[in-house]
Amino acid sequence: MRFHIMTLFPEIFNSYMSESIMKRAVEKEKIEVNIYNMRDFSTNKHKKVDDYPFGGGAGMVMTPQPIYDTYMHIINTHNIKDPRVIYLTPKGKVHNQTMAEGFSKLDDVILLCGHYEGIDQRIIDLIVTDEVSIGDYVLTGGELPALILIDSISRLIPGVLSQNESFEEESFKDNLLEYPHYTRPREFMDLQVPDVLLSGNHKNIENWRNDESIRITKERRPDLYKKACK
């Protein structure tokens, strides 16, 4: 899978993609990450990418030309026939595991990172296919949300995670939160590992984990609990 990132701050992505699971995924060629600085595509002699909003108001708005030219460069360079362009914005649908699973089946994903007060609406009308939010709060730019999407999507691609890092029993499977985990030592600060996990009885362990997932989901995310009970 190929991720194409349109950003004004490419350095933000370099450090994250050079560590841990993401680094291995790139090295194993399970994912490809291409980063494009939209300033490089500005026709303004000062490489300006923003301007004052029509109608007045606080802040600046990203101008359409650098964004559109970056987009055209991506689809022409990589011969993308049916581009999926995700704009990271608080106005979008809130990202969840189901969305990540859908995106993970694509060959190419273009991530558009806004900044300042946002981007010119005409860009959204012309090229954006999906508007995605990572929660009901505002950040200074779309770079952190883009990294979250890359991570959540990549780990679903076959071969990205090793067997020990399998995602199949993680949180949100079947709309349930994940059960508690324990490791050595058996006792820490007078707290014990539950006996069932030391029993060797795999059926009892599976039942305990399922019960714990249900209990935690009911306590912390009643909205998910209702979906799980349908």
C-alpha atoms as a PDB file:
ATOM      1  CA  MET A   1       0.000   0.000   0.000  1.00  0.00           C
ATOM      2  CA  ARG A   2       1.189   3.504  -0.800  1.00  0.00           C
ATOM      3  CA  PHE A   3       0.573   6.550   1.374  1.00  0.00           C
ATOM      4  CA  HIS A   4       1.015   9.957  -0.260  1.00  0.00           C
ATOM      5  CA  ILE A   5       1.215  12.784   2.256  1.00  0.00           C
ATOM      6  CA  MET A   6       0.551  16.404   1.289  1.00  0.00           C
ATOM      7  CA  THR A   7       1.951  18.635   4.029  1.00  0.00           C
ATOM      8  CA  LEU A   8       3.749  21.871   4.847  1.00  0.00           C
ATOM      9  CA  PHE A   9       5.854  20.135   7.501  1.00  0.00           C
ATOM     10  CA  PRO A  10       7.427  16.966   6.068  1.00  0.00           C
ATOM     11  CA  GLU A  11       9.941  16.633   8.902  1.00  0.00           C
ATOM     12  CA  ILE A  12       7.152  15.600  11.281  1.00  0.00           C
ATOM     13  CA  PHE A  13       6.733  12.326   9.409  1.00  0.00           C
ATOM     14  CA  ASN A  14      10.369  11.363   8.965  1.00  0.00           C
ATOM     15  CA  SER A  15      11.128  10.543  12.602  1.00  0.00           C
ATOM     16  CA  TYR A  16       7.953   8.523  13.201  1.00  0.00           C
ATOM     17  CA  MET A  17       8.329   6.485  10.038  1.00  0.00           C
ATOM     18  CA  SER A  18      11.941   5.601  10.889  1.00  0.00           C
ATOM     19  CA  GLU A  19      11.099   3.766  14.125  1.00  0.00           C
ATOM     20  CA  SER A  20       9.614   0.464  15.287  1.00  0.00           C
ATOM     21  CA  ILE A  21       6.764  -1.198  13.367  1.00  0.00           C
ATOM     22  CA  MET A  22       6.442   1.538  10.754  1.00  0.00           C
ATOM     23  CA  LYS A  23      10.146   1.321   9.929  1.00  0.00           C
ATOM     24  CA  ARG A  24       9.943  -2.449   9.502  1.00  0.00           C
ATOM     25  CA  ALA A  25       6.819  -2.152   7.355  1.00  0.00           C
ATOM     26  CA  VAL A  26       8.632   0.195   4.989  1.00  0.00           C
ATOM     27  CA  GLU A  27      11.762  -1.972   4.923  1.00  0.00           C
ATOM     28  CA  LYS A  28       9.686  -5.074   4.150  1.00  0.00           C
ATOM     29  CA  GLU A  29       7.924  -3.085   1.400  1.00  0.00           C
ATOM     30  CA  LYS A  30       4.535  -3.726   2.938  1.00  0.00           C
ATOM     31  CA  ILE A  31       3.880   0.013   2.805  1.00  0.00           C
ATOM     32  CA  GLU A  32       5.382   2.913   0.901  1.00  0.00           C
ATOM     33  CA  VAL A  33       5.296   6.444   2.292  1.00  0.00           C
ATOM     34  CA  ASN A  34       5.800   9.396  -0.047  1.00  0.00           C
ATOM     35  CA  ILE A  35       5.913  12.886   1.456  1.00  0.00           C
ATOM     36  CA  TYR A  36       5.308  16.059  -0.553  1.00  0.00           C
ATOM     37  CA  ASN A  37       5.936  19.579   0.685  1.00  0.00           C
ATOM     38  CA  MET A  38       3.176  21.704  -0.831  1.00  0.00           C
ATOM     39  CA  ARG A  39       5.410  24.782  -0.655  1.00  0.00           C
ATOM     40  CA  ASP A  40       7.534  23.216  -3.379  1.00  0.00           C
ATOM     41  CA  PHE A  41       4.576  23.477  -5.736  1.00  0.00           C
ATOM     42  CA  SER A  42       3.666  27.101  -5.021  1.00  0.00           C
ATOM     43  CA  THR A  43       3.989  29.426  -8.010  1.00  0.00           C
ATOM     44  CA  ASN A  44       4.357  32.415  -5.676  1.00  0.00           C
ATOM     45  CA  LYS A  45       7.913  33.775  -5.803  1.00  0.00           C
ATOM     46  CA  HIS A  46       8.048  33.690  -2.000  1.00  0.00           C
ATOM     47  CA  LYS A  47       6.545  30.166  -1.908  1.00  0.00           C
ATOM     48  CA  LYS A  48       3.528  31.538  -0.070  1.00  0.00           C
ATOM     49  CA  VAL A  49       0.728  29.029   0.475  1.00  0.00           C
ATOM     50  CA  ASP A  50      -1.887  31.007   2.433  1.00  0.00           C
ATOM     51  CA  ASP A  51      -3.887  34.221   2.197  1.00  0.00           C
ATOM     52  CA  TYR A  52      -6.562  36.224   3.997  1.00  0.00           C
ATOM     53  CA  PRO A  53     -10.101  34.797   3.852  1.00  0.00           C
ATOM     54  CA  PHE A  54     -12.701  36.463   1.654  1.00  0.00           C
ATOM     55  CA  GLY A  55     -15.397  37.975   3.853  1.00  0.00           C
ATOM     56  CA  GLY A  56     -12.944  38.698   6.651  1.00  0.00           C
ATOM     57  CA  GLY A  57     -12.227  36.804   9.805  1.00  0.00           C
ATOM     58  CA  ALA A  58      -9.291  35.694  11.890  1.00  0.00           C
ATOM     59  CA  GLY A  59      -6.447  33.587  10.575  1.00  0.00           C
ATOM     60  CA  MET A  60      -5.271  32.585   7.119  1.00  0.00           C
ATOM     61  CA  VAL A  61      -6.574  30.064   4.598  1.00  0.00           C
ATOM     62  CA  MET A  62      -4.437  27.743   2.484  1.00  0.00           C
ATOM     63  CA  THR A  63      -4.669  28.742  -1.167  1.00  0.00           C
ATOM     64  CA  PRO A  64      -5.855  26.202  -3.743  1.00  0.00           C
ATOM     65  CA  GLN A  65      -3.046  26.334  -6.330  1.00  0.00           C
ATOM     66  CA  PRO A  66      -0.203  24.658  -4.368  1.00  0.00           C
ATOM     67  CA  ILE A  67      -2.555  21.961  -3.081  1.00  0.00           C
ATOM     68  CA  TYR A  68      -4.006  21.186  -6.489  1.00  0.00           C
ATOM     69  CA  ASP A  69      -0.631  21.095  -8.224  1.00  0.00           C
ATOM     70  CA  THR A  70       0.745  18.769  -5.544  1.00  0.00           C
ATOM     71  CA  TYR A  71      -2.238  16.506  -6.051  1.00  0.00           C
ATOM     72  CA  MET A  72      -1.790  16.443  -9.838  1.00  0.00           C
ATOM     73  CA  HIS A  73       1.894  15.641  -9.419  1.00  0.00           C
ATOM     74  CA  ILE A  74       1.038  12.667  -7.199  1.00  0.00           C
ATOM     75  CA  ILE A  75      -1.590  11.106  -9.437  1.00  0.00           C
ATOM     76  CA  ASN A  76       0.454  11.636 -12.604  1.00  0.00           C
ATOM     77  CA  THR A  77       3.727  10.391 -11.113  1.00  0.00           C
ATOM     78  CA  HIS A  78       2.166   7.259  -9.652  1.00  0.00           C
ATOM     79  CA  ASN A  79      -0.499   6.735 -12.308  1.00  0.00           C
ATOM     80  CA  ILE A  80      -3.357   6.683  -9.810  1.00  0.00           C
ATOM     81  CA  LYS A  81      -6.598   6.176 -11.701  1.00  0.00           C
ATOM     82  CA  ASP A  82      -9.173   6.479  -8.928  1.00  0.00           C
ATOM     83  CA  PRO A  83      -7.546   8.660  -6.238  1.00  0.00           C
ATOM     84  CA  ARG A  84      -8.809   8.475  -2.665  1.00  0.00           C
ATOM     85  CA  VAL A  85      -7.997  11.794  -1.007  1.00  0.00           C
ATOM     86  CA  ILE A  86      -8.487  12.071   2.752  1.00  0.00           C
ATOM     87  CA  TYR A  87      -8.603  15.577   4.202  1.00  0.00           C
ATOM     88  CA  LEU A  88      -7.887  15.641   7.936  1.00  0.00           C
ATOM     89  CA  THR A  89     -10.354  18.073   9.489  1.00  0.00           C
ATOM     90  CA  PRO A  90     -12.434  18.434  12.688  1.00  0.00           C
ATOM     91  CA  LYS A  91     -15.482  18.650  10.409  1.00  0.00           C
ATOM     92  CA  GLY A  92     -14.997  15.115   9.121  1.00  0.00           C
ATOM     93  CA  LYS A  93     -16.390  11.766  10.186  1.00  0.00           C
ATOM     94  CA  VAL A  94     -14.641  10.487  13.298  1.00  0.00           C
ATOM     95  CA  HIS A  95     -12.073   7.840  12.436  1.00  0.00           C
ATOM     96  CA  ASN A  96     -12.677   4.361  13.811  1.00  0.00           C
ATOM     97  CA  GLN A  97     -11.539   0.781  13.328  1.00  0.00           C
ATOM     98  CA  THR A  98     -14.117   0.077  10.637  1.00  0.00           C
ATOM     99  CA  MET A  99     -12.864   3.013   8.588  1.00  0.00           C
ATOM    100  CA  ALA A 100      -9.262   1.879   9.052  1.00  0.00           C
ATOM    101  CA  GLU A 101     -10.188  -1.588   7.786  1.00  0.00           C
ATOM    102  CA  GLY A 102     -11.810  -0.089   4.703  1.00  0.00           C
ATOM    103  CA  PHE A 103      -8.850   2.143   3.904  1.00  0.00           C
ATOM    104  CA  SER A 104      -6.413  -0.758   4.389  1.00  0.00           C
ATOM    105  CA  LYS A 105      -7.841  -2.485   1.321  1.00  0.00           C
ATOM    106  CA  LEU A 106      -6.851   0.377  -1.003  1.00  0.00           C
ATOM    107  CA  ASP A 107      -3.690   0.489  -3.115  1.00  0.00           C
ATOM    108  CA  ASP A 108      -3.146   4.239  -2.694  1.00  0.00           C
ATOM    109  CA  VAL A 109      -4.260   6.775  -0.113  1.00  0.00           C
ATOM    110  CA  ILE A 110      -3.563  10.508  -0.409  1.00  0.00           C
ATOM    111  CA  LEU A 111      -3.576  12.357   2.922  1.00  0.00           C
ATOM    112  CA  LEU A 112      -4.101  16.112   2.815  1.00  0.00           C
ATOM    113  CA  CYS A 113      -2.864  17.930   5.919  1.00  0.00           C
ATOM    114  CA  GLY A 114      -4.474  21.303   6.411  1.00  0.00           C
ATOM    115  CA  HIS A 115      -3.062  24.139   8.469  1.00  0.00           C
ATOM    116  CA  TYR A 116      -3.937  27.662   9.618  1.00  0.00           C
ATOM    117  CA  GLU A 117      -7.738  28.130   9.453  1.00  0.00           C
ATOM    118  CA  GLY A 118      -8.124  25.387   6.859  1.00  0.00           C
ATOM    119  CA  ILE A 119      -8.063  25.072   3.086  1.00  0.00           C
ATOM    120  CA  ASP A 120      -9.976  26.748   0.276  1.00  0.00           C
ATOM    121  CA  GLN A 121     -13.362  25.013  -0.093  1.00  0.00           C
ATOM    122  CA  ARG A 122     -12.833  24.614  -3.836  1.00  0.00           C
ATOM    123  CA  ILE A 123     -10.072  22.087  -3.164  1.00  0.00           C
ATOM    124  CA  ILE A 124     -12.506  20.037  -1.090  1.00  0.00           C
ATOM    125  CA  ASP A 125     -15.052  20.247  -3.888  1.00  0.00           C
ATOM    126  CA  LEU A 126     -12.514  19.290  -6.573  1.00  0.00           C
ATOM    127  CA  ILE A 127     -10.354  16.520  -5.147  1.00  0.00           C
ATOM    128  CA  VAL A 128     -11.324  15.431  -1.608  1.00  0.00           C
ATOM    129  CA  THR A 129     -13.204  12.128  -1.354  1.00  0.00           C
ATOM    130  CA  ASP A 130     -13.175  11.705   2.442  1.00  0.00           C
ATOM    131  CA  GLU A 131     -13.140  14.209   5.313  1.00  0.00           C
ATOM    132  CA  VAL A 132     -11.871  12.527   8.468  1.00  0.00           C
ATOM    133  CA  SER A 133     -11.527  13.706  12.067  1.00  0.00           C
ATOM    134  CA  ILE A 134      -9.693  11.976  14.915  1.00  0.00           C
ATOM    135  CA  GLY A 135     -11.935  13.489  17.591  1.00  0.00           C
ATOM    136  CA  ASP A 136     -13.979  16.430  18.760  1.00  0.00           C
ATOM    137  CA  TYR A 137     -11.125  18.850  19.320  1.00  0.00           C
ATOM    138  CA  VAL A 138      -8.962  21.156  17.215  1.00  0.00           C
ATOM    139  CA  LEU A 139      -5.249  20.749  16.456  1.00  0.00           C
ATOM    140  CA  THR A 140      -2.841  23.156  14.794  1.00  0.00           C
ATOM    141  CA  GLY A 141      -2.554  21.025  11.675  1.00  0.00           C
ATOM    142  CA  GLY A 142      -3.376  17.738  10.013  1.00  0.00           C
ATOM    143  CA  GLU A 143       0.015  16.090  10.472  1.00  0.00           C
ATOM    144  CA  LEU A 144      -0.714  14.284  13.754  1.00  0.00           C
ATOM    145  CA  PRO A 145      -4.095  13.006  12.509  1.00  0.00           C
ATOM    146  CA  ALA A 146      -2.389  11.800   9.315  1.00  0.00           C
ATOM    147  CA  LEU A 147       0.134   9.817  11.352  1.00  0.00           C
ATOM    148  CA  ILE A 148      -2.695   8.259  13.333  1.00  0.00           C
ATOM    149  CA  LEU A 149      -4.406   7.159  10.126  1.00  0.00           C
ATOM    150  CA  ILE A 150      -1.182   5.754   8.694  1.00  0.00           C
ATOM    151  CA  ASP A 151      -0.529   3.759  11.856  1.00  0.00           C
ATOM    152  CA  SER A 152      -4.077   2.454  12.284  1.00  0.00           C
ATOM    153  CA  ILE A 153      -4.312   1.471   8.601  1.00  0.00           C
ATOM    154  CA  SER A 154      -0.822  -0.014   8.239  1.00  0.00           C
ATOM    155  CA  ARG A 155      -1.147  -2.468  11.108  1.00  0.00           C
ATOM    156  CA  LEU A 156      -4.112  -4.056   9.300  1.00  0.00           C
ATOM    157  CA  ILE A 157      -2.084  -4.786   6.165  1.00  0.00           C
ATOM    158  CA  PRO A 158      -0.957  -8.437   6.027  1.00  0.00           C
ATOM    159  CA  GLY A 159       2.691  -8.842   6.982  1.00  0.00           C
ATOM    160  CA  VAL A 160       3.071  -5.507   8.789  1.00  0.00           C
ATOM    161  CA  LEU A 161       2.639  -7.010  12.254  1.00  0.00           C
ATOM    162  CA  SER A 162       4.512 -10.089  13.383  1.00  0.00           C
ATOM    163  CA  GLN A 163       2.645 -12.996  14.971  1.00  0.00           C
ATOM    164  CA  ASN A 164       3.419 -11.628  18.443  1.00  0.00           C
ATOM    165  CA  GLU A 165       1.941  -8.256  17.464  1.00  0.00           C
ATOM    166  CA  SER A 166      -1.243  -9.615  15.899  1.00  0.00           C
ATOM    167  CA  PHE A 167      -4.156  -7.201  15.793  1.00  0.00           C
ATOM    168  CA  GLU A 168      -6.866  -9.875  15.742  1.00  0.00           C
ATOM    169  CA  GLU A 169      -7.659  -9.681  19.470  1.00  0.00           C
ATOM    170  CA  GLU A 170      -7.105  -5.962  19.983  1.00  0.00           C
ATOM    171  CA  SER A 171      -9.583  -3.373  21.211  1.00  0.00           C
ATOM    172  CA  PHE A 172     -12.707  -2.724  19.127  1.00  0.00           C
ATOM    173  CA  LYS A 173     -12.866  -6.242  17.758  1.00  0.00           C
ATOM    174  CA  ASP A 174     -16.601  -7.048  17.765  1.00  0.00           C
ATOM    175  CA  ASN A 175     -17.141  -3.581  19.329  1.00  0.00           C
ATOM    176  CA  LEU A 176     -15.504  -4.677  22.585  1.00  0.00           C
ATOM    177  CA  LEU A 177     -12.546  -3.105  24.354  1.00  0.00           C
ATOM    178  CA  GLU A 178      -9.534  -5.285  25.022  1.00  0.00           C
ATOM    179  CA  TYR A 179      -9.163  -7.384  28.156  1.00  0.00           C
ATOM    180  CA  PRO A 180      -6.371  -6.688  30.718  1.00  0.00           C
ATOM    181  CA  HIS A 181      -2.851  -8.008  30.133  1.00  0.00           C
ATOM    182  CA  TYR A 182      -0.363  -9.329  32.692  1.00  0.00           C
ATOM    183  CA  THR A 183       3.268 -10.477  32.550  1.00  0.00           C
ATOM    184  CA  ARG A 184       6.051 -11.379  35.008  1.00  0.00           C
ATOM    185  CA  PRO A 185       6.403 -11.109  37.955  1.00  0.00           C
ATOM    186  CA  ARG A 186       3.328 -12.881  39.319  1.00  0.00           C
ATOM    187  CA  GLU A 187       3.182 -10.411  42.220  1.00  0.00           C
ATOM    188  CA  PHE A 188       3.957  -6.692  42.073  1.00  0.00           C
ATOM    189  CA  MET A 189       3.314  -4.195  44.886  1.00  0.00           C
ATOM    190  CA  ASP A 190       1.059  -6.802  46.563  1.00  0.00           C
ATOM    191  CA  LEU A 191      -1.031  -7.121  43.401  1.00  0.00           C
ATOM    192  CA  GLN A 192      -1.432 -10.630  41.981  1.00  0.00           C
ATOM    193  CA  VAL A 193      -1.938 -11.951  38.477  1.00  0.00           C
ATOM    194  CA  PRO A 194      -5.440 -13.500  38.269  1.00  0.00           C
ATOM    195  CA  ASP A 195      -5.263 -17.219  39.014  1.00  0.00           C
ATOM    196  CA  VAL A 196      -7.116 -18.174  35.852  1.00  0.00           C
ATOM    197  CA  LEU A 197      -4.246 -16.888  33.710  1.00  0.00           C
ATOM    198  CA  LEU A 198      -1.870 -19.252  35.515  1.00  0.00           C
ATOM    199  CA  SER A 199      -4.165 -22.271  35.271  1.00  0.00           C
ATOM    200  CA  GLY A 200      -3.173 -23.473  31.822  1.00  0.00           C
ATOM    201  CA  ASN A 201      -6.865 -24.038  31.025  1.00  0.00           C
ATOM    202  CA  HIS A 202      -7.232 -22.260  27.699  1.00  0.00           C
ATOM    203  CA  LYS A 203     -11.023 -22.430  27.640  1.00  0.00           C
ATOM    204  CA  ASN A 204     -11.285 -20.794  31.071  1.00  0.00           C
ATOM    205  CA  ILE A 205      -8.743 -18.157  30.053  1.00  0.00           C
ATOM    206  CA  GLU A 206     -10.724 -17.385  26.891  1.00  0.00           C
ATOM    207  CA  ASN A 207     -13.952 -17.070  28.898  1.00  0.00           C
ATOM    208  CA  TRP A 208     -12.277 -14.798  31.480  1.00  0.00           C
ATOM    209  CA  ARG A 209     -10.881 -12.544  28.789  1.00  0.00           C
ATOM    210  CA  ASN A 210     -14.247 -12.290  27.057  1.00  0.00           C
ATOM    211  CA  ASP A 211     -15.982 -11.479  30.353  1.00  0.00           C
ATOM    212  CA  GLU A 212     -13.401  -8.817  31.130  1.00  0.00           C
ATOM    213  CA  SER A 213     -13.816  -7.266  27.672  1.00  0.00           C
ATOM    214  CA  ILE A 214     -17.566  -7.073  28.193  1.00  0.00           C
ATOM    215  CA  ARG A 215     -17.202  -5.632  31.714  1.00  0.00           C
ATOM    216  CA  ILE A 216     -14.708  -2.950  30.662  1.00  0.00           C
ATOM    217  CA  THR A 217     -16.703  -1.980  27.582  1.00  0.00           C
ATOM    218  CA  LYS A 218     -19.925  -1.687  29.592  1.00  0.00           C
ATOM    219  CA  GLU A 219     -18.210   0.525  32.192  1.00  0.00           C
ATOM    220  CA  ARG A 220     -16.189   2.774  29.888  1.00  0.00           C
ATOM    221  CA  ARG A 221     -17.911   2.760  26.510  1.00  0.00           C
ATOM    222  CA  PRO A 222     -21.644   2.053  26.878  1.00  0.00           C
ATOM    223  CA  ASP A 223     -22.085   3.172  23.272  1.00  0.00           C
ATOM    224  CA  LEU A 224     -19.879   0.323  22.061  1.00  0.00           C
ATOM    225  CA  TYR A 225     -21.488  -2.085  24.532  1.00  0.00           C
ATOM    226  CA  LYS A 226     -24.898  -1.436  22.986  1.00  0.00           C
ATOM    227  CA  LYS A 227     -23.487  -2.209  19.515  1.00  0.00           C
ATOM    228  CA  ALA A 228     -21.835  -5.399  20.777  1.00  0.00           C
ATOM    229  CA  CYS A 229     -25.127  -6.619  22.245  1.00  0.00           C
ATOM    230  CA  LYS A 230     -27.088  -6.224  19.023  1.00  0.00           C
END
